[in-house]
Amino acid sequence: ATLRAHTQLVVVDVVVTDKSQNPVRNLKASDFTLLESGQPQQIKSF
């Protein structure tokens, strides 16, 4: 469930591709920055 009432957890699926539309693999959580309404958010799981 993308929004769970008891944990208030938001789930975001991200598709990452290169200029040739090929999938980009082996990225790490530290490669991503996540913001909600302009405010940085801590990534709980990756």
All heavy atoms as atom14 arrays in JSON, in Angstrom:
{
  "sequence": "ATLRAHTQLVVVDVVVTDKSQNPVRNLKASDFTLLESGQPQQIKSF",
  "atom14_mask": [
    [1, 1, 1, 1, 1, 0, 0, 0, 0, 0, 0, 0, 0, 0],
    [1, 1, 1, 1, 1, 1, 1, 0, 0, 0, 0, 0, 0, 0],
    [1, 1, 1, 1, 1, 1, 1, 1, 0, 0, 0, 0, 0, 0],
    [1, 1, 1, 1, 1, 1, 1, 1, 1, 1, 1, 0, 0, 0],
    [1, 1, 1, 1, 1, 0, 0, 0, 0, 0, 0, 0, 0, 0],
    [1, 1, 1, 1, 1, 1, 1, 1, 1, 1, 0, 0, 0, 0],
    [1, 1, 1, 1, 1, 1, 1, 0, 0, 0, 0, 0, 0, 0],
    [1, 1, 1, 1, 1, 1, 1, 1, 1, 0, 0, 0, 0, 0],
    [1, 1, 1, 1, 1, 1, 1, 1, 0, 0, 0, 0, 0, 0],
    [1, 1, 1, 1, 1, 1, 1, 0, 0, 0, 0, 0, 0, 0],
    [1, 1, 1, 1, 1, 1, 1, 0, 0, 0, 0, 0, 0, 0],
    [1, 1, 1, 1, 1, 1, 1, 0, 0, 0, 0, 0, 0, 0],
    [1, 1, 1, 1, 1, 1, 1, 1, 0, 0, 0, 0, 0, 0],
    [1, 1, 1, 1, 1, 1, 1, 0, 0, 0, 0, 0, 0, 0],
    [1, 1, 1, 1, 1, 1, 1, 0, 0, 0, 0, 0, 0, 0],
    [1, 1, 1, 1, 1, 1, 1, 0, 0, 0, 0, 0, 0, 0],
    [1, 1, 1, 1, 1, 1, 1, 0, 0, 0, 0, 0, 0, 0],
    [1, 1, 1, 1, 1, 1, 1, 1, 0, 0, 0, 0, 0, 0],
    [1, 1, 1, 1, 1, 1, 1, 1, 1, 0, 0, 0, 0, 0],
    [1, 1, 1, 1, 1, 1, 0, 0, 0, 0, 0, 0, 0, 0],
    [1, 1, 1, 1, 1, 1, 1, 1, 1, 0, 0, 0, 0, 0],
    [1, 1, 1, 1, 1, 1, 1, 1, 0, 0, 0, 0, 0, 0],
    [1, 1, 1, 1, 1, 1, 1, 0, 0, 0, 0, 0, 0, 0],
    [1, 1, 1, 1, 1, 1, 1, 0, 0, 0, 0, 0, 0, 0],
    [1, 1, 1, 1, 1, 1, 1, 1, 1, 1, 1, 0, 0, 0],
    [1, 1, 1, 1, 1, 1, 1, 1, 0, 0, 0, 0, 0, 0],
    [1, 1, 1, 1, 1, 1, 1, 1, 0, 0, 0, 0, 0, 0],
    [1, 1, 1, 1, 1, 1, 1, 1, 1, 0, 0, 0, 0, 0],
    [1, 1, 1, 1, 1, 0, 0, 0, 0, 0, 0, 0, 0, 0],
    [1, 1, 1, 1, 1, 1, 0, 0, 0, 0, 0, 0, 0, 0],
    [1, 1, 1, 1, 1, 1, 1, 1, 0, 0, 0, 0, 0, 0],
    [1, 1, 1, 1, 1, 1, 1, 1, 1, 1, 1, 0, 0, 0],
    [1, 1, 1, 1, 1, 1, 1, 0, 0, 0, 0, 0, 0, 0],
    [1, 1, 1, 1, 1, 1, 1, 1, 0, 0, 0, 0, 0, 0],
    [1, 1, 1, 1, 1, 1, 1, 1, 0, 0, 0, 0, 0, 0],
    [1, 1, 1, 1, 1, 1, 1, 1, 1, 0, 0, 0, 0, 0],
    [1, 1, 1, 1, 1, 1, 0, 0, 0, 0, 0, 0, 0, 0],
    [1, 1, 1, 1, 0, 0, 0, 0, 0, 0, 0, 0, 0, 0],
    [1, 1, 1, 1, 1, 1, 1, 1, 1, 0, 0, 0, 0, 0],
    [1, 1, 1, 1, 1, 1, 1, 0, 0, 0, 0, 0, 0, 0],
    [1, 1, 1, 1, 1, 1, 1, 1, 1, 0, 0, 0, 0, 0],
    [1, 1, 1, 1, 1, 1, 1, 1, 1, 0, 0, 0, 0, 0],
    [1, 1, 1, 1, 1, 1, 1, 1, 0, 0, 0, 0, 0, 0],
    [1, 1, 1, 1, 1, 1, 1, 1, 1, 0, 0, 0, 0, 0],
    [1, 1, 1, 1, 1, 1, 0, 0, 0, 0, 0, 0, 0, 0],
    [1, 1, 1, 1, 1, 1, 1, 1, 1, 1, 1, 0, 0, 0]
  ],
  "atom14_positions": [
    [[0.85, -1.19, 0.0], [0.0, 0.0, 0.0], [0.88, 1.24, 0.0], [1.81, 1.34, 0.78], [-0.91, 0.0, 1.22], [0.0, 0.0, 0.0], [0.0, 0.0, 0.0], [0.0, 0.0, 0.0], [0.0, 0.0, 0.0], [0.0, 0.0, 0.0], [0.0, 0.0, 0.0], [0.0, 0.0, 0.0], [0.0, 0.0, 0.0], [0.0, 0.0, 0.0]],
    [[0.58, 2.17, -0.87], [1.43, 3.33, -1.01], [1.31, 4.27, 0.18], [2.26, 4.88, 0.61], [1.08, 4.07, -2.3], [1.15, 3.12, -3.36], [2.03, 5.19, -2.58], [0.0, 0.0, 0.0], [0.0, 0.0, 0.0], [0.0, 0.0, 0.0], [0.0, 0.0, 0.0], [0.0, 0.0, 0.0], [0.0, 0.0, 0.0], [0.0, 0.0, 0.0]],
    [[0.12, 4.39, 0.73], [-0.06, 5.22, 1.92], [-0.68, 4.34, 3.01], [-1.82, 3.92, 2.89], [-0.98, 6.39, 1.63], [-0.44, 7.45, 0.67], [-1.49, 8.52, 0.44], [0.82, 8.09, 1.23], [0.0, 0.0, 0.0], [0.0, 0.0, 0.0], [0.0, 0.0, 0.0], [0.0, 0.0, 0.0], [0.0, 0.0, 0.0], [0.0, 0.0, 0.0]],
    [[0.09, 4.05, 4.04], [-0.43, 3.24, 5.14], [-0.81, 4.16, 6.29], [-0.03, 5.02, 6.71], [0.62, 2.24, 5.62], [0.94, 1.17, 4.59], [-0.23, 0.25, 4.35], [-0.52, -0.54, 5.53], [-1.51, -1.4, 5.6], [-2.33, -1.56, 4.58], [-1.72, -2.09, 6.69], [0.0, 0.0, 0.0], [0.0, 0.0, 0.0], [0.0, 0.0, 0.0]],
    [[-2.02, 3.99, 6.79], [-2.55, 4.92, 7.77], [-1.74, 4.91, 9.06], [-1.54, 5.94, 9.68], [-4.0, 4.57, 8.07], [0.0, 0.0, 0.0], [0.0, 0.0, 0.0], [0.0, 0.0, 0.0], [0.0, 0.0, 0.0], [0.0, 0.0, 0.0], [0.0, 0.0, 0.0], [0.0, 0.0, 0.0], [0.0, 0.0, 0.0], [0.0, 0.0, 0.0]],
    [[-1.27, 3.72, 9.46], [-0.65, 3.63, 10.78], [0.82, 4.02, 10.75], [1.39, 4.34, 11.77], [-0.82, 2.19, 11.3], [-2.25, 1.77, 11.39], [-3.13, 2.33, 12.27], [-2.95, 0.85, 10.68], [-4.33, 1.77, 12.13], [-4.24, 0.87, 11.16], [0.0, 0.0, 0.0], [0.0, 0.0, 0.0], [0.0, 0.0, 0.0], [0.0, 0.0, 0.0]],
    [[1.46, 3.99, 9.57], [2.86, 4.37, 9.49], [3.05, 5.66, 8.7], [4.13, 6.22, 8.71], [3.68, 3.26, 8.82], [3.15, 3.04, 7.5], [3.61, 1.97, 9.6], [0.0, 0.0, 0.0], [0.0, 0.0, 0.0], [0.0, 0.0, 0.0], [0.0, 0.0, 0.0], [0.0, 0.0, 0.0], [0.0, 0.0, 0.0], [0.0, 0.0, 0.0]],
    [[1.99, 6.12, 8.0], [2.07, 7.33, 7.18], [3.29, 7.25, 6.27], [4.08, 8.17, 6.16], [2.14, 8.57, 8.07], [0.89, 8.77, 8.91], [0.97, 10.0, 9.78], [2.04, 10.52, 10.01], [-0.16, 10.47, 10.27], [0.0, 0.0, 0.0], [0.0, 0.0, 0.0], [0.0, 0.0, 0.0], [0.0, 0.0, 0.0], [0.0, 0.0, 0.0]],
    [[3.39, 6.12, 5.59], [4.53, 5.86, 4.72], [4.14, 6.13, 3.27], [3.1, 5.69, 2.81], [4.99, 4.41, 4.87], [6.37, 4.07, 4.3], [7.47, 4.73, 5.13], [6.56, 2.56, 4.3], [0.0, 0.0, 0.0], [0.0, 0.0, 0.0], [0.0, 0.0, 0.0], [0.0, 0.0, 0.0], [0.0, 0.0, 0.0], [0.0, 0.0, 0.0]],
    [[4.98, 6.86, 2.57], [4.77, 7.14, 1.16], [5.77, 6.32, 0.35], [6.95, 6.28, 0.67], [4.96, 8.64, 0.86], [4.81, 8.92, -0.64], [3.95, 9.47, 1.64], [0.0, 0.0, 0.0], [0.0, 0.0, 0.0], [0.0, 0.0, 0.0], [0.0, 0.0, 0.0], [0.0, 0.0, 0.0], [0.0, 0.0, 0.0], [0.0, 0.0, 0.0]],
    [[5.27, 5.64, -0.67], [6.1, 4.8, -1.53], [6.21, 5.47, -2.9], [5.2, 5.85, -3.49], [5.51, 3.39, -1.67], [6.36, 2.55, -2.61], [5.42, 2.72, -0.3], [0.0, 0.0, 0.0], [0.0, 0.0, 0.0], [0.0, 0.0, 0.0], [0.0, 0.0, 0.0], [0.0, 0.0, 0.0], [0.0, 0.0, 0.0], [0.0, 0.0, 0.0]],
    [[7.42, 5.6, -3.41], [7.66, 6.22, -4.71], [8.49, 5.26, -5.55], [9.61, 4.91, -5.18], [8.4, 7.57, -4.58], [8.56, 8.22, -5.95], [7.66, 8.5, -3.63], [0.0, 0.0, 0.0], [0.0, 0.0, 0.0], [0.0, 0.0, 0.0], [0.0, 0.0, 0.0], [0.0, 0.0, 0.0], [0.0, 0.0, 0.0], [0.0, 0.0, 0.0]],
    [[7.93, 4.82, -6.68], [8.66, 4.01, -7.64], [9.28, 4.92, -8.68], [8.6, 5.79, -9.25], [7.73, 3.0, -8.34], [7.23, 1.93, -7.38], [7.98, 1.59, -6.46], [6.1, 1.45, -7.58], [0.0, 0.0, 0.0], [0.0, 0.0, 0.0], [0.0, 0.0, 0.0], [0.0, 0.0, 0.0], [0.0, 0.0, 0.0], [0.0, 0.0, 0.0]],
    [[10.57, 4.74, -8.95], [11.3, 5.61, -9.86], [11.93, 4.76, -10.97], [12.68, 3.82, -10.7], [12.41, 6.4, -9.13], [13.08, 7.38, -10.09], [11.84, 7.13, -7.92], [0.0, 0.0, 0.0], [0.0, 0.0, 0.0], [0.0, 0.0, 0.0], [0.0, 0.0, 0.0], [0.0, 0.0, 0.0], [0.0, 0.0, 0.0], [0.0, 0.0, 0.0]],
    [[11.58, 5.09, -12.22], [12.2, 4.46, -13.38], [13.32, 5.38, -13.87], [13.08, 6.55, -14.16], [11.16, 4.22, -14.5], [11.85, 3.68, -15.75], [10.08, 3.26, -14.02], [0.0, 0.0, 0.0], [0.0, 0.0, 0.0], [0.0, 0.0, 0.0], [0.0, 0.0, 0.0], [0.0, 0.0, 0.0], [0.0, 0.0, 0.0], [0.0, 0.0, 0.0]],
    [[14.52, 4.86, -13.97], [15.68, 5.65, -14.39], [16.22, 5.06, -15.7], [16.55, 3.88, -15.78], [16.8, 5.64, -13.32], [17.94, 6.55, -13.74], [16.24, 6.07, -11.96], [0.0, 0.0, 0.0], [0.0, 0.0, 0.0], [0.0, 0.0, 0.0], [0.0, 0.0, 0.0], [0.0, 0.0, 0.0], [0.0, 0.0, 0.0], [0.0, 0.0, 0.0]],
    [[16.3, 5.92, -16.72], [16.81, 5.48, -18.03], [17.86, 6.47, -18.52], [17.9, 7.63, -18.11], [15.67, 5.4, -19.06], [14.99, 6.65, -19.13], [14.68, 4.31, -18.67], [0.0, 0.0, 0.0], [0.0, 0.0, 0.0], [0.0, 0.0, 0.0], [0.0, 0.0, 0.0], [0.0, 0.0, 0.0], [0.0, 0.0, 0.0], [0.0, 0.0, 0.0]],
    [[18.7, 5.99, -19.46], [19.71, 6.86, -20.06], [19.13, 7.52, -21.31], [17.94, 7.42, -21.6], [20.98, 6.07, -20.38], [20.73, 4.89, -21.32], [19.71, 4.91, -22.04], [21.54, 3.96, -21.34], [0.0, 0.0, 0.0], [0.0, 0.0, 0.0], [0.0, 0.0, 0.0], [0.0, 0.0, 0.0], [0.0, 0.0, 0.0], [0.0, 0.0, 0.0]],
    [[19.98, 8.18, -22.08], [19.51, 8.91, -23.26], [18.94, 7.98, -24.32], [18.13, 8.4, -25.14], [20.66, 9.73, -23.84], [21.14, 10.85, -22.92], [22.27, 11.64, -23.56], [22.74, 12.76, -22.63], [23.87, 13.54, -23.23], [0.0, 0.0, 0.0], [0.0, 0.0, 0.0], [0.0, 0.0, 0.0], [0.0, 0.0, 0.0], [0.0, 0.0, 0.0]],
    [[19.33, 6.71, -24.29], [18.82, 5.73, -25.26], [17.63, 4.96, -24.71], [17.24, 3.94, -25.29], [19.94, 4.76, -25.66], [21.03, 5.46, -26.24], [0.0, 0.0, 0.0], [0.0, 0.0, 0.0], [0.0, 0.0, 0.0], [0.0, 0.0, 0.0], [0.0, 0.0, 0.0], [0.0, 0.0, 0.0], [0.0, 0.0, 0.0], [0.0, 0.0, 0.0]],
    [[17.07, 5.41, -23.59], [15.93, 4.78, -22.94], [16.24, 3.39, -22.38], [15.33, 2.59, -22.16], [14.74, 4.68, -23.91], [14.24, 6.03, -24.42], [13.78, 6.94, -23.28], [13.01, 6.53, -22.42], [14.26, 8.18, -23.29], [0.0, 0.0, 0.0], [0.0, 0.0, 0.0], [0.0, 0.0, 0.0], [0.0, 0.0, 0.0], [0.0, 0.0, 0.0]],
    [[17.51, 3.11, -22.14], [17.9, 1.86, -21.5], [17.89, 2.04, -19.98], [18.25, 3.1, -19.48], [19.31, 1.44, -21.94], [19.38, 1.15, -23.43], [18.51, 0.46, -23.97], [20.39, 1.69, -24.1], [0.0, 0.0, 0.0], [0.0, 0.0, 0.0], [0.0, 0.0, 0.0], [0.0, 0.0, 0.0], [0.0, 0.0, 0.0], [0.0, 0.0, 0.0]],
    [[17.48, 1.02, -19.23], [17.44, 1.15, -17.77], [18.83, 1.31, -17.17], [19.8, 0.71, -17.64], [16.79, -0.17, -17.31], [17.02, -1.13, -18.43], [17.02, -0.31, -19.68], [0.0, 0.0, 0.0], [0.0, 0.0, 0.0], [0.0, 0.0, 0.0], [0.0, 0.0, 0.0], [0.0, 0.0, 0.0], [0.0, 0.0, 0.0], [0.0, 0.0, 0.0]],
    [[18.91, 2.14, -16.15], [20.16, 2.37, -15.43], [20.12, 1.54, -14.16], [19.23, 1.71, -13.33], [20.35, 3.86, -15.1], [21.62, 4.07, -14.29], [20.38, 4.68, -16.38], [0.0, 0.0, 0.0], [0.0, 0.0, 0.0], [0.0, 0.0, 0.0], [0.0, 0.0, 0.0], [0.0, 0.0, 0.0], [0.0, 0.0, 0.0], [0.0, 0.0, 0.0]],
    [[21.09, 0.67, -13.98], [21.08, -0.28, -12.87], [22.13, 0.08, -11.82], [23.01, 0.91, -12.03], [21.33, -1.7, -13.39], [20.35, -2.13, -14.48], [20.61, -3.57, -14.95], [19.76, -3.93, -16.07], [18.51, -4.33, -15.96], [17.97, -4.45, -14.76], [17.8, -4.63, -17.03], [0.0, 0.0, 0.0], [0.0, 0.0, 0.0], [0.0, 0.0, 0.0]],
    [[21.98, -0.59, -10.66], [22.98, -0.56, -9.59], [23.17, 0.81, -8.96], [24.26, 1.14, -8.49], [24.32, -1.09, -10.1], [24.23, -2.5, -10.64], [23.53, -3.34, -10.07], [24.91, -2.76, -11.75], [0.0, 0.0, 0.0], [0.0, 0.0, 0.0], [0.0, 0.0, 0.0], [0.0, 0.0, 0.0], [0.0, 0.0, 0.0], [0.0, 0.0, 0.0]],
    [[22.11, 1.64, -8.95], [22.18, 2.89, -8.2], [21.99, 2.61, -6.72], [21.39, 1.6, -6.31], [21.11, 3.86, -8.7], [21.25, 4.34, -10.15], [20.06, 5.21, -10.54], [22.56, 5.1, -10.34], [0.0, 0.0, 0.0], [0.0, 0.0, 0.0], [0.0, 0.0, 0.0], [0.0, 0.0, 0.0], [0.0, 0.0, 0.0], [0.0, 0.0, 0.0]],
    [[22.49, 3.53, -5.88], [22.39, 3.39, -4.44], [21.44, 4.45, -3.89], [21.14, 5.44, -4.55], [23.77, 3.54, -3.79], [24.83, 2.63, -4.38], [24.49, 1.16, -4.21], [25.58, 0.27, -4.77], [25.23, -1.17, -4.71], [0.0, 0.0, 0.0], [0.0, 0.0, 0.0], [0.0, 0.0, 0.0], [0.0, 0.0, 0.0], [0.0, 0.0, 0.0]],
    [[21.0, 4.23, -2.66], [20.11, 5.2, -2.02], [20.76, 6.57, -1.92], [20.1, 7.6, -2.04], [19.69, 4.7, -0.63], [0.0, 0.0, 0.0], [0.0, 0.0, 0.0], [0.0, 0.0, 0.0], [0.0, 0.0, 0.0], [0.0, 0.0, 0.0], [0.0, 0.0, 0.0], [0.0, 0.0, 0.0], [0.0, 0.0, 0.0], [0.0, 0.0, 0.0]],
    [[22.08, 6.58, -1.73], [22.8, 7.85, -1.6], [22.83, 8.64, -2.91], [23.14, 9.83, -2.91], [24.23, 7.59, -1.12], [24.9, 6.69, -2.01], [0.0, 0.0, 0.0], [0.0, 0.0, 0.0], [0.0, 0.0, 0.0], [0.0, 0.0, 0.0], [0.0, 0.0, 0.0], [0.0, 0.0, 0.0], [0.0, 0.0, 0.0], [0.0, 0.0, 0.0]],
    [[22.5, 7.98, -4.02], [22.45, 8.67, -5.3], [21.2, 9.52, -5.45], [21.12, 10.37, -6.34], [22.51, 7.67, -6.46], [23.83, 6.91, -6.51], [24.86, 7.52, -6.19], [23.81, 5.71, -6.86], [0.0, 0.0, 0.0], [0.0, 0.0, 0.0], [0.0, 0.0, 0.0], [0.0, 0.0, 0.0], [0.0, 0.0, 0.0], [0.0, 0.0, 0.0]],
    [[20.19, 9.27, -4.61], [18.89, 9.92, -4.75], [18.7, 11.01, -3.69], [19.14, 10.87, -2.55], [17.75, 8.91, -4.61], [17.66, 7.93, -5.75], [18.46, 6.8, -5.78], [16.76, 8.13, -6.78], [18.37, 5.89, -6.82], [16.67, 7.24, -7.83], [17.47, 6.12, -7.85], [0.0, 0.0, 0.0], [0.0, 0.0, 0.0], [0.0, 0.0, 0.0]],
    [[18.04, 12.07, -4.1], [17.55, 13.1, -3.18], [16.04, 13.18, -3.33], [15.54, 13.29, -4.45], [18.18, 14.47, -3.48], [19.61, 14.37, -3.34], [17.65, 15.52, -2.51], [0.0, 0.0, 0.0], [0.0, 0.0, 0.0], [0.0, 0.0, 0.0], [0.0, 0.0, 0.0], [0.0, 0.0, 0.0], [0.0, 0.0, 0.0], [0.0, 0.0, 0.0]],
    [[15.33, 13.15, -2.22], [13.86, 13.1, -2.23], [13.3, 14.3, -1.5], [13.71, 14.61, -0.38], [13.39, 11.8, -1.56], [11.92, 11.45, -1.61], [11.41, 11.31, -3.03], [11.68, 10.13, -0.86], [0.0, 0.0, 0.0], [0.0, 0.0, 0.0], [0.0, 0.0, 0.0], [0.0, 0.0, 0.0], [0.0, 0.0, 0.0], [0.0, 0.0, 0.0]],
    [[12.37, 15.01, -2.16], [11.75, 16.19, -1.56], [10.23, 16.09, -1.67], [9.7, 15.57, -2.66], [12.22, 17.47, -2.23], [13.72, 17.78, -2.22], [14.36, 17.31, -3.53], [13.97, 19.27, -2.02], [0.0, 0.0, 0.0], [0.0, 0.0, 0.0], [0.0, 0.0, 0.0], [0.0, 0.0, 0.0], [0.0, 0.0, 0.0], [0.0, 0.0, 0.0]],
    [[9.56, 16.63, -0.65], [8.1, 16.76, -0.69], [7.76, 18.22, -0.42], [8.16, 18.78, 0.62], [7.43, 15.87, 0.36], [5.91, 16.0, 0.35], [5.24, 15.14, 1.4], [5.19, 13.91, 1.22], [4.77, 15.7, 2.41], [0.0, 0.0, 0.0], [0.0, 0.0, 0.0], [0.0, 0.0, 0.0], [0.0, 0.0, 0.0], [0.0, 0.0, 0.0]],
    [[7.06, 18.84, -1.36], [6.71, 20.27, -1.27], [7.96, 21.11, -1.01], [7.93, 22.07, -0.23], [5.66, 20.48, -0.18], [4.48, 19.76, -0.46], [0.0, 0.0, 0.0], [0.0, 0.0, 0.0], [0.0, 0.0, 0.0], [0.0, 0.0, 0.0], [0.0, 0.0, 0.0], [0.0, 0.0, 0.0], [0.0, 0.0, 0.0], [0.0, 0.0, 0.0]],
    [[9.06, 20.72, -1.62], [10.31, 21.46, -1.5], [11.14, 21.13, -0.29], [12.26, 21.63, -0.15], [0.0, 0.0, 0.0], [0.0, 0.0, 0.0], [0.0, 0.0, 0.0], [0.0, 0.0, 0.0], [0.0, 0.0, 0.0], [0.0, 0.0, 0.0], [0.0, 0.0, 0.0], [0.0, 0.0, 0.0], [0.0, 0.0, 0.0], [0.0, 0.0, 0.0]],
    [[10.61, 20.31, 0.63], [11.33, 19.97, 1.85], [12.01, 18.61, 1.73], [11.38, 17.64, 1.32], [10.36, 19.95, 3.04], [9.69, 21.29, 3.31], [10.68, 22.38, 3.63], [11.61, 22.18, 4.4], [10.48, 23.56, 3.03], [0.0, 0.0, 0.0], [0.0, 0.0, 0.0], [0.0, 0.0, 0.0], [0.0, 0.0, 0.0], [0.0, 0.0, 0.0]],
    [[13.3, 18.51, 2.06], [14.01, 17.22, 1.98], [13.36, 16.18, 2.89], [12.91, 16.49, 3.99], [15.43, 17.57, 2.45], [15.55, 19.06, 2.27], [14.18, 19.62, 2.5], [0.0, 0.0, 0.0], [0.0, 0.0, 0.0], [0.0, 0.0, 0.0], [0.0, 0.0, 0.0], [0.0, 0.0, 0.0], [0.0, 0.0, 0.0], [0.0, 0.0, 0.0]],
    [[13.33, 14.95, 2.43], [12.76, 13.84, 3.18], [13.81, 12.75, 3.35], [14.63, 12.52, 2.46], [11.54, 13.27, 2.44], [10.46, 14.29, 2.11], [9.78, 14.85, 3.34], [9.46, 14.12, 4.27], [9.54, 16.16, 3.34], [0.0, 0.0, 0.0], [0.0, 0.0, 0.0], [0.0, 0.0, 0.0], [0.0, 0.0, 0.0], [0.0, 0.0, 0.0]],
    [[13.76, 12.09, 4.51], [14.71, 11.01, 4.76], [14.18, 9.72, 4.14], [13.03, 9.33, 4.36], [14.89, 10.81, 6.27], [15.86, 9.68, 6.61], [15.98, 9.48, 8.12], [15.35, 10.19, 8.89], [16.79, 8.52, 8.52], [0.0, 0.0, 0.0], [0.0, 0.0, 0.0], [0.0, 0.0, 0.0], [0.0, 0.0, 0.0], [0.0, 0.0, 0.0]],
    [[15.01, 9.07, 3.34], [14.62, 7.82, 2.7], [14.66, 6.71, 3.73], [15.71, 6.39, 4.29], [15.55, 7.5, 1.51], [15.45, 8.59, 0.44], [15.22, 6.14, 0.91], [16.41, 8.4, -0.72], [0.0, 0.0, 0.0], [0.0, 0.0, 0.0], [0.0, 0.0, 0.0], [0.0, 0.0, 0.0], [0.0, 0.0, 0.0], [0.0, 0.0, 0.0]],
    [[13.49, 6.11, 3.97], [13.38, 5.06, 4.99], [13.89, 3.72, 4.47], [14.55, 2.96, 5.18], [11.92, 4.92, 5.43], [11.39, 6.11, 6.21], [11.75, 5.99, 7.68], [11.07, 7.06, 8.51], [11.39, 6.95, 9.94], [0.0, 0.0, 0.0], [0.0, 0.0, 0.0], [0.0, 0.0, 0.0], [0.0, 0.0, 0.0], [0.0, 0.0, 0.0]],
    [[13.53, 3.41, 3.23], [13.96, 2.14, 2.65], [14.21, 2.36, 1.16], [13.65, 3.27, 0.54], [12.92, 1.04, 2.86], [11.72, 1.35, 2.18], [0.0, 0.0, 0.0], [0.0, 0.0, 0.0], [0.0, 0.0, 0.0], [0.0, 0.0, 0.0], [0.0, 0.0, 0.0], [0.0, 0.0, 0.0], [0.0, 0.0, 0.0], [0.0, 0.0, 0.0]],
    [[15.04, 1.49, 0.61], [15.46, 1.62, -0.79], [15.63, 0.22, -1.35], [16.24, -0.64, -0.73], [16.76, 2.41, -0.89], [17.32, 2.5, -2.28], [16.88, 3.49, -3.16], [18.29, 1.61, -2.71], [17.4, 3.58, -4.44], [18.82, 1.69, -3.98], [18.36, 2.68, -4.85], [0.0, 0.0, 0.0], [0.0, 0.0, 0.0], [0.0, 0.0, 0.0]]
  ]
}
